[in-house]
């Protein structure tokens, strides 16, 4: 009886572990295909790091009794630094 249980456990474990190896091989091949598809995104991220991103915004600012429309330029540097400057300020009221 003990020999029968030991033999059945041995064969059962061999059957259980064999399909998992083939599953691992299938997932490895799938991840390779996914990595190939993600490579253009990585290249785009690298390309975007090179330059400075510049954004111009307009806002209404009130100082005392006067109201101004300011155009602000925000520069995002590749190293994470942010520079803001006022391009123009026009009095509205």
Protein backbone atom coordinates (compact mmCIF):
# COMPACT_ATOMS: atom_id res chain seq x y z
CA UNK A 1 0.00 0.00 0.00
CA UNK A 2 2.84 2.41 0.87
CA UNK A 3 4.58 1.63 -2.40
CA UNK A 4 1.39 2.32 -4.32
CA UNK A 5 0.91 5.72 -2.63
CA UNK A 6 4.55 6.70 -3.12
CA UNK A 7 4.42 5.72 -6.80
CA UNK A 8 1.15 7.58 -7.39
CA UNK A 9 2.52 10.74 -5.68
CA UNK A 10 5.66 10.54 -7.78
CA UNK A 11 3.75 10.19 -11.04
CA UNK A 12 1.22 12.83 -9.99
CA UNK A 13 3.92 15.36 -9.23
CA UNK A 14 5.61 14.65 -12.58
CA UNK A 15 2.34 15.31 -14.40
CA UNK A 16 1.68 18.51 -12.45
CA UNK A 17 5.13 20.04 -13.03
CA UNK A 18 5.45 19.17 -16.71
CA UNK A 19 2.64 21.46 -17.98
CA UNK A 20 3.87 24.36 -15.87
CA UNK A 21 7.21 24.29 -17.69
CA UNK A 22 5.44 24.52 -21.02
CA UNK A 23 3.33 27.38 -19.68
CA UNK A 24 6.49 29.18 -18.62
CA UNK A 25 7.89 28.76 -22.12
CA UNK A 26 4.66 30.11 -23.62
CA UNK A 27 4.65 33.15 -21.35
CA UNK A 28 8.31 33.81 -22.12
CA UNK A 29 7.53 33.88 -25.83
CA UNK A 30 4.54 36.18 -25.19
CA UNK A 31 6.60 38.62 -23.16
CA UNK A 32 9.15 38.80 -25.95
CA UNK A 33 6.41 39.80 -28.36
CA UNK A 34 5.11 42.41 -25.92
CA UNK A 35 8.59 43.88 -25.42
CA UNK A 36 8.99 44.25 -29.16
CA UNK A 37 5.72 46.17 -29.31
CA UNK A 38 6.74 48.44 -26.43
CA UNK A 39 10.06 49.44 -27.95
CA UNK A 40 8.65 52.42 -29.95
CA UNK A 41 7.21 53.85 -26.71
CA UNK A 42 10.60 53.62 -25.04
CA UNK A 43 12.22 55.34 -28.00
CA UNK A 44 9.61 58.12 -27.86
CA UNK A 45 10.27 58.63 -24.15
CA UNK A 46 13.98 58.91 -24.80
CA UNK A 47 13.38 61.34 -27.64
CA UNK A 48 11.13 63.52 -25.45
CA UNK A 49 13.82 63.77 -22.77
CA UNK A 50 16.19 65.61 -25.06
CA UNK A 51 14.32 68.85 -25.57
CA UNK A 52 12.74 71.53 -23.47
CA UNK A 53 8.94 71.60 -23.35
CA UNK A 54 7.54 75.13 -23.50
CA UNK A 55 3.92 75.95 -22.57
CA UNK A 56 2.31 79.40 -22.89
CA UNK A 57 -0.72 80.16 -20.72
CA UNK A 58 -2.94 83.18 -20.26
CA UNK A 59 -4.50 84.05 -16.93
CA UNK A 60 -6.44 86.93 -15.39
CA UNK A 61 -4.76 88.47 -12.34
CA UNK A 62 -6.18 91.07 -10.02
CA UNK A 63 -3.79 93.33 -8.10
CA UNK A 64 -5.45 95.91 -5.94
CA UNK A 65 -8.09 97.69 -8.05
CA UNK A 66 -6.48 96.80 -11.38
CA UNK A 67 -7.10 93.66 -13.42
CA UNK A 68 -4.43 92.32 -15.79
CA UNK A 69 -4.25 89.62 -18.43
CA UNK A 70 -0.86 87.93 -18.14
CA UNK A 71 0.71 85.60 -20.66
CA UNK A 72 3.10 83.25 -18.88
CA UNK A 73 5.72 81.00 -20.43
CA UNK A 74 6.56 77.82 -18.51
CA UNK A 75 9.65 75.86 -19.55
CA UNK A 76 10.07 72.26 -18.42
CA UNK A 77 13.76 71.30 -18.52
CA UNK A 78 14.96 67.71 -19.08
CA UNK A 79 16.46 67.59 -15.58
CA UNK A 80 13.11 68.37 -13.92
CA UNK A 81 13.66 72.09 -13.43
CA UNK A 82 10.70 74.38 -14.17
CA UNK A 83 11.22 78.02 -15.21
CA UNK A 84 8.31 80.48 -15.34
CA UNK A 85 8.37 84.01 -16.74
CA UNK A 86 5.80 86.63 -17.68
CA UNK A 87 5.82 87.39 -21.40
CA UNK A 88 3.22 90.14 -21.42
CA UNK A 89 0.93 91.93 -18.97
CA UNK A 90 -1.99 94.00 -20.31
CA UNK A 91 -4.32 96.00 -18.11
CA UNK A 92 -7.97 95.13 -18.67
CA UNK A 93 -9.78 97.32 -16.11
